[in-house]
């Protein structure tokens, strides 16, 4: 569970999933305008196909990274001013390789 008071920032721009800790920190600063090293926040990134997520956060000892690959599902990350809609659906989508 996510403790109360933790802020969640979502980068609605697609990110290359090969990015590691350092490049995700820079992406968080550029996309969201927040510094992950201050702690107390989760930073969510998605790839172009929307079937993978990376979540970055700062623990008291350093950065942590969760990498999720969806099986037959994808996630929609849409943001409007202060409202964020995150949906996960199974099926109904054809995957294309490019």
Protein backbone atom coordinates (compact mmCIF):
# COMPACT_ATOMS: atom_id res chain seq x y z
CA UNK A 1 0.00 0.00 0.00
CA UNK A 2 1.03 3.55 -0.62
CA UNK A 3 1.16 5.52 2.64
CA UNK A 4 -1.03 8.61 3.01
CA UNK A 5 0.62 11.85 2.03
CA UNK A 6 2.69 10.35 -0.79
CA UNK A 7 2.37 12.40 -3.96
CA UNK A 8 2.14 10.61 -7.31
CA UNK A 9 3.45 12.35 -10.43
CA UNK A 10 2.83 10.86 -13.87
CA UNK A 11 4.87 11.75 -16.92
CA UNK A 12 2.37 11.65 -19.80
CA UNK A 13 5.20 11.73 -22.36
CA UNK A 14 6.40 8.27 -23.40
CA UNK A 15 9.81 7.28 -22.03
CA UNK A 16 12.39 4.82 -23.37
CA UNK A 17 12.28 1.86 -20.98
CA UNK A 18 16.04 1.43 -21.29
CA UNK A 19 16.43 4.50 -19.06
CA UNK A 20 18.03 3.77 -15.72
CA UNK A 21 17.94 5.67 -12.45
CA UNK A 22 19.89 8.75 -13.54
CA UNK A 23 18.03 9.38 -16.80
CA UNK A 24 14.66 8.83 -15.11
CA UNK A 25 15.58 11.43 -12.48
CA UNK A 26 16.31 13.91 -15.27
CA UNK A 27 13.07 12.93 -17.06
CA UNK A 28 11.12 13.49 -13.82
CA UNK A 29 12.62 16.95 -13.44
CA UNK A 30 11.84 17.83 -17.07
CA UNK A 31 8.36 16.26 -17.37
CA UNK A 32 6.94 17.02 -13.95
CA UNK A 33 9.14 19.80 -12.66
CA UNK A 34 9.78 18.03 -9.35
CA UNK A 35 13.02 16.71 -7.87
CA UNK A 36 12.68 13.01 -6.99
CA UNK A 37 15.53 13.25 -4.49
CA UNK A 38 13.36 15.29 -2.12
CA UNK A 39 11.41 12.10 -1.34
CA UNK A 40 7.76 11.60 -0.48
CA UNK A 41 6.69 11.09 -4.10
CA UNK A 42 6.32 8.42 -6.77
CA UNK A 43 7.14 9.16 -10.41
CA UNK A 44 5.36 7.02 -13.02
CA UNK A 45 6.63 6.53 -16.58
CA UNK A 46 5.21 4.52 -19.49
CA UNK A 47 6.64 3.28 -22.76
CA UNK A 48 5.34 4.00 -26.28
CA UNK A 49 3.20 0.83 -26.46
CA UNK A 50 1.77 1.50 -22.99
CA UNK A 51 2.40 -2.07 -21.87
CA UNK A 52 5.25 -1.27 -19.46
CA UNK A 53 5.55 1.05 -16.49
CA UNK A 54 8.46 2.23 -14.40
CA UNK A 55 7.88 3.83 -11.02
CA UNK A 56 10.74 5.74 -9.42
CA UNK A 57 10.95 6.93 -5.81
CA UNK A 58 13.58 8.02 -3.32
CA UNK A 59 13.98 6.00 -0.16
CA UNK A 60 16.09 7.28 2.72
CA UNK A 61 19.03 5.20 1.40
CA UNK A 62 18.71 5.95 -2.34
CA UNK A 63 16.50 5.50 -5.38
CA UNK A 64 14.14 2.56 -5.90
CA UNK A 65 12.70 1.44 -9.22
CA UNK A 66 9.69 -0.77 -9.93
CA UNK A 67 9.39 -2.14 -13.46
CA UNK A 68 6.03 -3.62 -14.50
CA UNK A 69 5.32 -5.41 -17.80
CA UNK A 70 1.64 -5.99 -18.45
CA UNK A 71 0.54 -9.32 -19.91
CA UNK A 72 -2.25 -8.84 -22.47
CA UNK A 73 -3.05 -5.44 -21.02
CA UNK A 74 -2.07 -1.82 -21.35
CA UNK A 75 -2.43 1.33 -19.36
CA UNK A 76 -3.79 4.73 -20.37
CA UNK A 77 -2.11 7.71 -18.78
CA UNK A 78 -4.04 10.87 -19.47
CA UNK A 79 -3.69 14.06 -17.54
CA UNK A 80 -5.82 17.15 -17.44
CA UNK A 81 -4.97 20.11 -15.26
CA UNK A 82 -5.24 18.46 -11.83
CA UNK A 83 -7.07 15.24 -12.66
CA UNK A 84 -5.30 12.10 -13.80
CA UNK A 85 -7.03 9.06 -15.24
CA UNK A 86 -5.17 5.75 -15.14
CA UNK A 87 -6.93 2.81 -16.75
CA UNK A 88 -5.86 -0.72 -17.28
CA UNK A 89 -7.72 -2.90 -19.77
CA UNK A 90 -7.33 -6.50 -20.80
CA UNK A 91 -7.80 -7.53 -24.42
CA UNK A 92 -9.38 -5.52 -27.19
CA UNK A 93 -6.11 -4.20 -28.54
CA UNK A 94 -3.96 -5.47 -31.34
CA UNK A 95 -0.25 -5.18 -30.81
CA UNK A 96 1.93 -3.89 -33.61
CA UNK A 97 5.66 -4.26 -33.77
CA UNK A 98 7.61 -1.44 -35.30
